[in-house]
Amino acid sequence: MSEPTPEKRSSDFASEAESRSPGVLRELVAFVRHSKKWWLAPILIALLLIGILVMLSGSIAAPFLYTLF
């Protein structure tokens, strides 16, 4: 197999740079799946739940959340 030319590599780089980012959550899931770091899953789920609680604490649901704790 031959090595790609510098023009081909630079055009690949440019097209990759112009493409849309997949997002933080999708990249995190891909990282966990690729690197087989399944021990991160409970930590990520706990952080997600805490984030949801923080977002709901400023809403109309706040009085109902306080009864949980």
PDB file of N, CA and C in Angstrom:
ATOM      1  N   MET A   1       0.840  -1.170   0.000  1.00  0.00           N
ATOM      2  CA  MET A   1       0.000   0.000   0.000  1.00  0.00           C
ATOM      3  C   MET A   1       0.883   1.230   0.000  1.00  0.00           C
ATOM      4  N   SER A   2       0.483   2.202  -0.768  1.00  0.00           N
ATOM      5  CA  SER A   2       1.286   3.410  -0.862  1.00  0.00           C
ATOM      6  C   SER A   2       0.828   4.447   0.158  1.00  0.00           C
ATOM      7  N   GLU A   3       1.741   5.286   0.512  1.00  0.00           N
ATOM      8  CA  GLU A   3       1.488   6.371   1.465  1.00  0.00           C
ATOM      9  C   GLU A   3       0.687   7.467   0.763  1.00  0.00           C
ATOM     10  N   PRO A   4      -0.357   8.034   1.410  1.00  0.00           N
ATOM     11  CA  PRO A   4      -1.124   9.095   0.752  1.00  0.00           C
ATOM     12  C   PRO A   4      -0.257  10.340   0.545  1.00  0.00           C
ATOM     13  N   THR A   5      -0.580  11.065  -0.492  1.00  0.00           N
ATOM     14  CA  THR A   5       0.183  12.268  -0.804  1.00  0.00           C
ATOM     15  C   THR A   5      -0.111  13.357   0.220  1.00  0.00           C
ATOM     16  N   PRO A   6       0.786  14.331   0.375  1.00  0.00           N
ATOM     17  CA  PRO A   6       0.545  15.423   1.332  1.00  0.00           C
ATOM     18  C   PRO A   6      -0.738  16.199   1.033  1.00  0.00           C
ATOM     19  N   GLU A   7      -1.078  16.344  -0.261  1.00  0.00           N
ATOM     20  CA  GLU A   7      -2.309  17.052  -0.608  1.00  0.00           C
ATOM     21  C   GLU A   7      -3.530  16.281  -0.110  1.00  0.00           C
ATOM     22  N   LYS A   8      -3.477  14.963  -0.237  1.00  0.00           N
ATOM     23  CA  LYS A   8      -4.595  14.120   0.210  1.00  0.00           C
ATOM     24  C   LYS A   8      -4.742  14.203   1.723  1.00  0.00           C
ATOM     25  N   ARG A   9      -3.609  14.157   2.431  1.00  0.00           N
ATOM     26  CA  ARG A   9      -3.665  14.241   3.890  1.00  0.00           C
ATOM     27  C   ARG A   9      -4.189  15.593   4.350  1.00  0.00           C
ATOM     28  N   SER A  10      -3.785  16.679   3.699  1.00  0.00           N
ATOM     29  CA  SER A  10      -4.249  18.003   4.115  1.00  0.00           C
ATOM     30  C   SER A  10      -5.729  18.182   3.806  1.00  0.00           C
ATOM     31  N   SER A  11      -6.198  17.616   2.693  1.00  0.00           N
ATOM     32  CA  SER A  11      -7.628  17.729   2.391  1.00  0.00           C
ATOM     33  C   SER A  11      -8.444  16.883   3.367  1.00  0.00           C
ATOM     34  N   ASP A  12      -7.930  15.736   3.789  1.00  0.00           N
ATOM     35  CA  ASP A  12      -8.606  14.935   4.807  1.00  0.00           C
ATOM     36  C   ASP A  12      -8.694  15.703   6.118  1.00  0.00           C
ATOM     37  N   PHE A  13      -7.606  16.366   6.463  1.00  0.00           N
ATOM     38  CA  PHE A  13      -7.574  17.151   7.696  1.00  0.00           C
ATOM     39  C   PHE A  13      -8.570  18.299   7.636  1.00  0.00           C
ATOM     40  N   ALA A  14      -8.609  18.983   6.504  1.00  0.00           N
ATOM     41  CA  ALA A  14      -9.526  20.110   6.343  1.00  0.00           C
ATOM     42  C   ALA A  14     -10.982  19.651   6.390  1.00  0.00           C
ATOM     43  N   SER A  15     -11.284  18.559   5.731  1.00  0.00           N
ATOM     44  CA  SER A  15     -12.667  18.070   5.749  1.00  0.00           C
ATOM     45  C   SER A  15     -13.061  17.593   7.145  1.00  0.00           C
ATOM     46  N   GLU A  16     -12.139  17.007   7.860  1.00  0.00           N
ATOM     47  CA  GLU A  16     -12.419  16.572   9.231  1.00  0.00           C
ATOM     48  C   GLU A  16     -12.617  17.770  10.149  1.00  0.00           C
ATOM     49  N   ALA A  17     -11.836  18.831   9.937  1.00  0.00           N
ATOM     50  CA  ALA A  17     -11.947  20.032  10.765  1.00  0.00           C
ATOM     51  C   ALA A  17     -13.261  20.760  10.512  1.00  0.00           C
ATOM     52  N   GLU A  18     -13.782  20.686   9.302  1.00  0.00           N
ATOM     53  CA  GLU A  18     -15.025  21.366   8.970  1.00  0.00           C
ATOM     54  C   GLU A  18     -16.253  20.554   9.363  1.00  0.00           C
ATOM     55  N   SER A  19     -16.079  19.278   9.638  1.00  0.00           N
ATOM     56  CA  SER A  19     -17.239  18.455   9.991  1.00  0.00           C
ATOM     57  C   SER A  19     -17.739  18.827  11.380  1.00  0.00           C
ATOM     58  N   ARG A  20     -18.960  18.470  11.637  1.00  0.00           N
ATOM     59  CA  ARG A  20     -19.599  18.809  12.900  1.00  0.00           C
ATOM     60  C   ARG A  20     -19.121  17.897  14.025  1.00  0.00           C
ATOM     61  N   SER A  21     -18.956  18.464  15.206  1.00  0.00           N
ATOM     62  CA  SER A  21     -18.517  17.706  16.371  1.00  0.00           C
ATOM     63  C   SER A  21     -19.650  16.801  16.855  1.00  0.00           C
ATOM     64  N   PRO A  22     -19.341  15.568  17.280  1.00  0.00           N
ATOM     65  CA  PRO A  22     -20.402  14.649  17.700  1.00  0.00           C
ATOM     66  C   PRO A  22     -21.024  15.005  19.045  1.00  0.00           C
ATOM     67  N   GLY A  23     -20.393  15.823  19.844  1.00  0.00           N
ATOM     68  CA  GLY A  23     -20.934  16.194  21.138  1.00  0.00           C
ATOM     69  C   GLY A  23     -20.200  15.493  22.263  1.00  0.00           C
ATOM     70  N   VAL A  24     -20.270  16.094  23.424  1.00  0.00           N
ATOM     71  CA  VAL A  24     -19.517  15.601  24.571  1.00  0.00           C
ATOM     72  C   VAL A  24     -20.025  14.239  25.020  1.00  0.00           C
ATOM     73  N   LEU A  25     -21.326  14.089  25.119  1.00  0.00           N
ATOM     74  CA  LEU A  25     -21.882  12.829  25.608  1.00  0.00           C
ATOM     75  C   LEU A  25     -21.563  11.674  24.667  1.00  0.00           C
ATOM     76  N   ARG A  26     -21.691  11.900  23.377  1.00  0.00           N
ATOM     77  CA  ARG A  26     -21.403  10.847  22.408  1.00  0.00           C
ATOM     78  C   ARG A  26     -19.915  10.484  22.431  1.00  0.00           C
ATOM     79  N   GLU A  27     -19.044  11.497  22.566  1.00  0.00           N
ATOM     80  CA  GLU A  27     -17.611  11.215  22.642  1.00  0.00           C
ATOM     81  C   GLU A  27     -17.270  10.446  23.914  1.00  0.00           C
ATOM     82  N   LEU A  28     -17.933  10.790  25.016  1.00  0.00           N
ATOM     83  CA  LEU A  28     -17.690  10.096  26.280  1.00  0.00           C
ATOM     84  C   LEU A  28     -18.121   8.643  26.203  1.00  0.00           C
ATOM     85  N   VAL A  29     -19.269   8.391  25.606  1.00  0.00           N
ATOM     86  CA  VAL A  29     -19.735   7.008  25.443  1.00  0.00           C
ATOM     87  C   VAL A  29     -18.786   6.236  24.528  1.00  0.00           C
ATOM     88  N   ALA A  30     -18.344   6.865  23.462  1.00  0.00           N
ATOM     89  CA  ALA A  30     -17.398   6.203  22.555  1.00  0.00           C
ATOM     90  C   ALA A  30     -16.082   5.901  23.258  1.00  0.00           C
ATOM     91  N   PHE A  31     -15.622   6.817  24.108  1.00  0.00           N
ATOM     92  CA  PHE A  31     -14.391   6.586  24.862  1.00  0.00           C
ATOM     93  C   PHE A  31     -14.534   5.391  25.797  1.00  0.00           C
ATOM     94  N   VAL A  32     -15.658   5.342  26.531  1.00  0.00           N
ATOM     95  CA  VAL A  32     -15.878   4.237  27.479  1.00  0.00           C
ATOM     96  C   VAL A  32     -15.965   2.907  26.730  1.00  0.00           C
ATOM     97  N   ARG A  33     -16.642   2.885  25.595  1.00  0.00           N
ATOM     98  CA  ARG A  33     -16.770   1.644  24.822  1.00  0.00           C
ATOM     99  C   ARG A  33     -15.439   1.217  24.211  1.00  0.00           C
ATOM    100  N   HIS A  34     -14.694   2.181  23.694  1.00  0.00           N
ATOM    101  CA  HIS A  34     -13.436   1.859  23.020  1.00  0.00           C
ATOM    102  C   HIS A  34     -12.356   1.420  24.000  1.00  0.00           C
ATOM    103  N   SER A  35     -12.258   2.116  25.125  1.00  0.00           N
ATOM    104  CA  SER A  35     -11.175   1.819  26.075  1.00  0.00           C
ATOM    105  C   SER A  35     -11.581   0.792  27.128  1.00  0.00           C
ATOM    106  N   LYS A  36     -12.824   0.341  27.088  1.00  0.00           N
ATOM    107  CA  LYS A  36     -13.332  -0.685  28.014  1.00  0.00           C
ATOM    108  C   LYS A  36     -13.198  -0.259  29.478  1.00  0.00           C
ATOM    109  N   LYS A  37     -13.461   1.003  29.738  1.00  0.00           N
ATOM    110  CA  LYS A  37     -13.413   1.521  31.109  1.00  0.00           C
ATOM    111  C   LYS A  37     -14.840   1.577  31.671  1.00  0.00           C
ATOM    112  N   TRP A  38     -15.407   0.408  31.877  1.00  0.00           N
ATOM    113  CA  TRP A  38     -16.795   0.317  32.323  1.00  0.00           C
ATOM    114  C   TRP A  38     -16.983   0.781  33.749  1.00  0.00           C
ATOM    115  N   TRP A  39     -15.908   0.885  34.516  1.00  0.00           N
ATOM    116  CA  TRP A  39     -16.035   1.361  35.889  1.00  0.00           C
ATOM    117  C   TRP A  39     -16.420   2.840  35.927  1.00  0.00           C
ATOM    118  N   LEU A  40     -16.296   3.548  34.804  1.00  0.00           N
ATOM    119  CA  LEU A  40     -16.696   4.952  34.753  1.00  0.00           C
ATOM    120  C   LEU A  40     -18.215   5.121  34.656  1.00  0.00           C
ATOM    121  N   ALA A  41     -18.923   4.096  34.237  1.00  0.00           N
ATOM    122  CA  ALA A  41     -20.367   4.208  34.018  1.00  0.00           C
ATOM    123  C   ALA A  41     -21.130   4.640  35.278  1.00  0.00           C
ATOM    124  N   PRO A  42     -20.912   4.033  36.457  1.00  0.00           N
ATOM    125  CA  PRO A  42     -21.655   4.502  37.641  1.00  0.00           C
ATOM    126  C   PRO A  42     -21.333   5.945  38.021  1.00  0.00           C
ATOM    127  N   ILE A  43     -20.099   6.358  37.815  1.00  0.00           N
ATOM    128  CA  ILE A  43     -19.720   7.736  38.114  1.00  0.00           C
ATOM    129  C   ILE A  43     -20.447   8.693  37.178  1.00  0.00           C
ATOM    130  N   LEU A  44     -20.486   8.354  35.898  1.00  0.00           N
ATOM    131  CA  LEU A  44     -21.164   9.207  34.926  1.00  0.00           C
ATOM    132  C   LEU A  44     -22.666   9.272  35.175  1.00  0.00           C
ATOM    133  N   ILE A  45     -23.254   8.156  35.550  1.00  0.00           N
ATOM    134  CA  ILE A  45     -24.691   8.141  35.851  1.00  0.00           C
ATOM    135  C   ILE A  45     -24.986   8.997  37.073  1.00  0.00           C
ATOM    136  N   ALA A  46     -24.151   8.900  38.107  1.00  0.00           N
ATOM    137  CA  ALA A  46     -24.341   9.718  39.307  1.00  0.00           C
ATOM    138  C   ALA A  46     -24.198  11.201  38.978  1.00  0.00           C
ATOM    139  N   LEU A  47     -23.218  11.564  38.175  1.00  0.00           N
ATOM    140  CA  LEU A  47     -23.050  12.968  37.780  1.00  0.00           C
ATOM    141  C   LEU A  47     -24.241  13.459  36.967  1.00  0.00           C
ATOM    142  N   LEU A  48     -24.766  12.611  36.110  1.00  0.00           N
ATOM    143  CA  LEU A  48     -25.935  12.973  35.320  1.00  0.00           C
ATOM    144  C   LEU A  48     -27.149  13.214  36.221  1.00  0.00           C
ATOM    145  N   LEU A  49     -27.359  12.334  37.196  1.00  0.00           N
ATOM    146  CA  LEU A  49     -28.488  12.505  38.114  1.00  0.00           C
ATOM    147  C   LEU A  49     -28.338  13.758  38.967  1.00  0.00           C
ATOM    148  N   ILE A  50     -27.130  14.040  39.412  1.00  0.00           N
ATOM    149  CA  ILE A  50     -26.901  15.261  40.197  1.00  0.00           C
ATOM    150  C   ILE A  50     -27.155  16.491  39.331  1.00  0.00           C
ATOM    151  N   GLY A  51     -26.724  16.447  38.089  1.00  0.00           N
ATOM    152  CA  GLY A  51     -26.981  17.559  37.173  1.00  0.00           C
ATOM    153  C   GLY A  51     -28.460  17.783  36.943  1.00  0.00           C
ATOM    154  N   ILE A  52     -29.210  16.702  36.813  1.00  0.00           N
ATOM    155  CA  ILE A  52     -30.661  16.826  36.628  1.00  0.00           C
ATOM    156  C   ILE A  52     -31.293  17.433  37.870  1.00  0.00           C
ATOM    157  N   LEU A  53     -30.849  17.002  39.049  1.00  0.00           N
ATOM    158  CA  LEU A  53     -31.388  17.569  40.287  1.00  0.00           C
ATOM    159  C   LEU A  53     -31.072  19.053  40.408  1.00  0.00           C
ATOM    160  N   VAL A  54     -29.886  19.447  40.023  1.00  0.00           N
ATOM    161  CA  VAL A  54     -29.519  20.870  40.082  1.00  0.00           C
ATOM    162  C   VAL A  54     -30.377  21.675  39.119  1.00  0.00           C
ATOM    163  N   MET A  55     -30.611  21.145  37.936  1.00  0.00           N
ATOM    164  CA  MET A  55     -31.444  21.863  36.971  1.00  0.00           C
ATOM    165  C   MET A  55     -32.885  21.974  37.465  1.00  0.00           C
ATOM    166  N   LEU A  56     -33.392  20.944  38.107  1.00  0.00           N
ATOM    167  CA  LEU A  56     -34.772  20.969  38.588  1.00  0.00           C
ATOM    168  C   LEU A  56     -34.943  21.802  39.848  1.00  0.00           C
ATOM    169  N   SER A  57     -33.843  22.054  40.564  1.00  0.00           N
ATOM    170  CA  SER A  57     -33.964  22.796  41.819  1.00  0.00           C
ATOM    171  C   SER A  57     -34.355  24.252  41.581  1.00  0.00           C
ATOM    172  N   GLY A  58     -34.139  24.765  40.396  1.00  0.00           N
ATOM    173  CA  GLY A  58     -34.530  26.130  40.086  1.00  0.00           C
ATOM    174  C   GLY A  58     -35.884  26.205  39.410  1.00  0.00           C
ATOM    175  N   SER A  59     -36.588  25.115  39.350  1.00  0.00           N
ATOM    176  CA  SER A  59     -37.873  25.109  38.649  1.00  0.00           C
ATOM    177  C   SER A  59     -39.024  24.963  39.633  1.00  0.00           C
ATOM    178  N   ILE A  60     -40.188  24.751  39.090  1.00  0.00           N
ATOM    179  CA  ILE A  60     -41.395  24.590  39.898  1.00  0.00           C
ATOM    180  C   ILE A  60     -41.367  23.283  40.698  1.00  0.00           C
ATOM    181  N   ALA A  61     -40.509  22.337  40.296  1.00  0.00           N
ATOM    182  CA  ALA A  61     -40.443  21.036  40.966  1.00  0.00           C
ATOM    183  C   ALA A  61     -39.596  21.073  42.235  1.00  0.00           C
ATOM    184  N   ALA A  62     -38.999  22.212  42.571  1.00  0.00           N
ATOM    185  CA  ALA A  62     -38.102  22.305  43.719  1.00  0.00           C
ATOM    186  C   ALA A  62     -38.749  21.864  45.033  1.00  0.00           C
ATOM    187  N   PRO A  63     -39.968  22.296  45.367  1.00  0.00           N
ATOM    188  CA  PRO A  63     -40.550  21.843  46.646  1.00  0.00           C
ATOM    189  C   PRO A  63     -40.715  20.330  46.742  1.00  0.00           C
ATOM    190  N   PHE A  64     -40.934  19.687  45.614  1.00  0.00           N
ATOM    191  CA  PHE A  64     -41.080  18.233  45.622  1.00  0.00           C
ATOM    192  C   PHE A  64     -39.739  17.527  45.784  1.00  0.00           C
ATOM    193  N   LEU A  65     -38.667  18.155  45.307  1.00  0.00           N
ATOM    194  CA  LEU A  65     -37.335  17.571  45.466  1.00  0.00           C
ATOM    195  C   LEU A  65     -36.870  17.641  46.902  1.00  0.00           C
ATOM    196  N   TYR A  66     -37.225  18.712  47.603  1.00  0.00           N
ATOM    197  CA  TYR A  66     -36.778  18.856  48.980  1.00  0.00           C
ATOM    198  C   TYR A  66     -37.372  17.769  49.879  1.00  0.00           C
ATOM    199  N   THR A  67     -38.535  17.256  49.541  1.00  0.00           N
ATOM    200  CA  THR A  67     -39.133  16.195  50.351  1.00  0.00           C
ATOM    201  C   THR A  67     -38.387  14.870  50.196  1.00  0.00           C
ATOM    202  N   LEU A  68     -37.622  14.729  49.114  1.00  0.00           N
ATOM    203  CA  LEU A  68     -36.869  13.491  48.910  1.00  0.00           C
ATOM    204  C   LEU A  68     -35.679  13.406  49.863  1.00  0.00           C
ATOM    205  N   PHE A  69     -35.169  14.538  50.275  1.00  0.00           N
ATOM    206  CA  PHE A  69     -33.982  14.547  51.123  1.00  0.00           C
ATOM    207  C   PHE A  69     -34.365  14.967  52.498  1.00  0.00           C
TER     208      PHE A  69
END
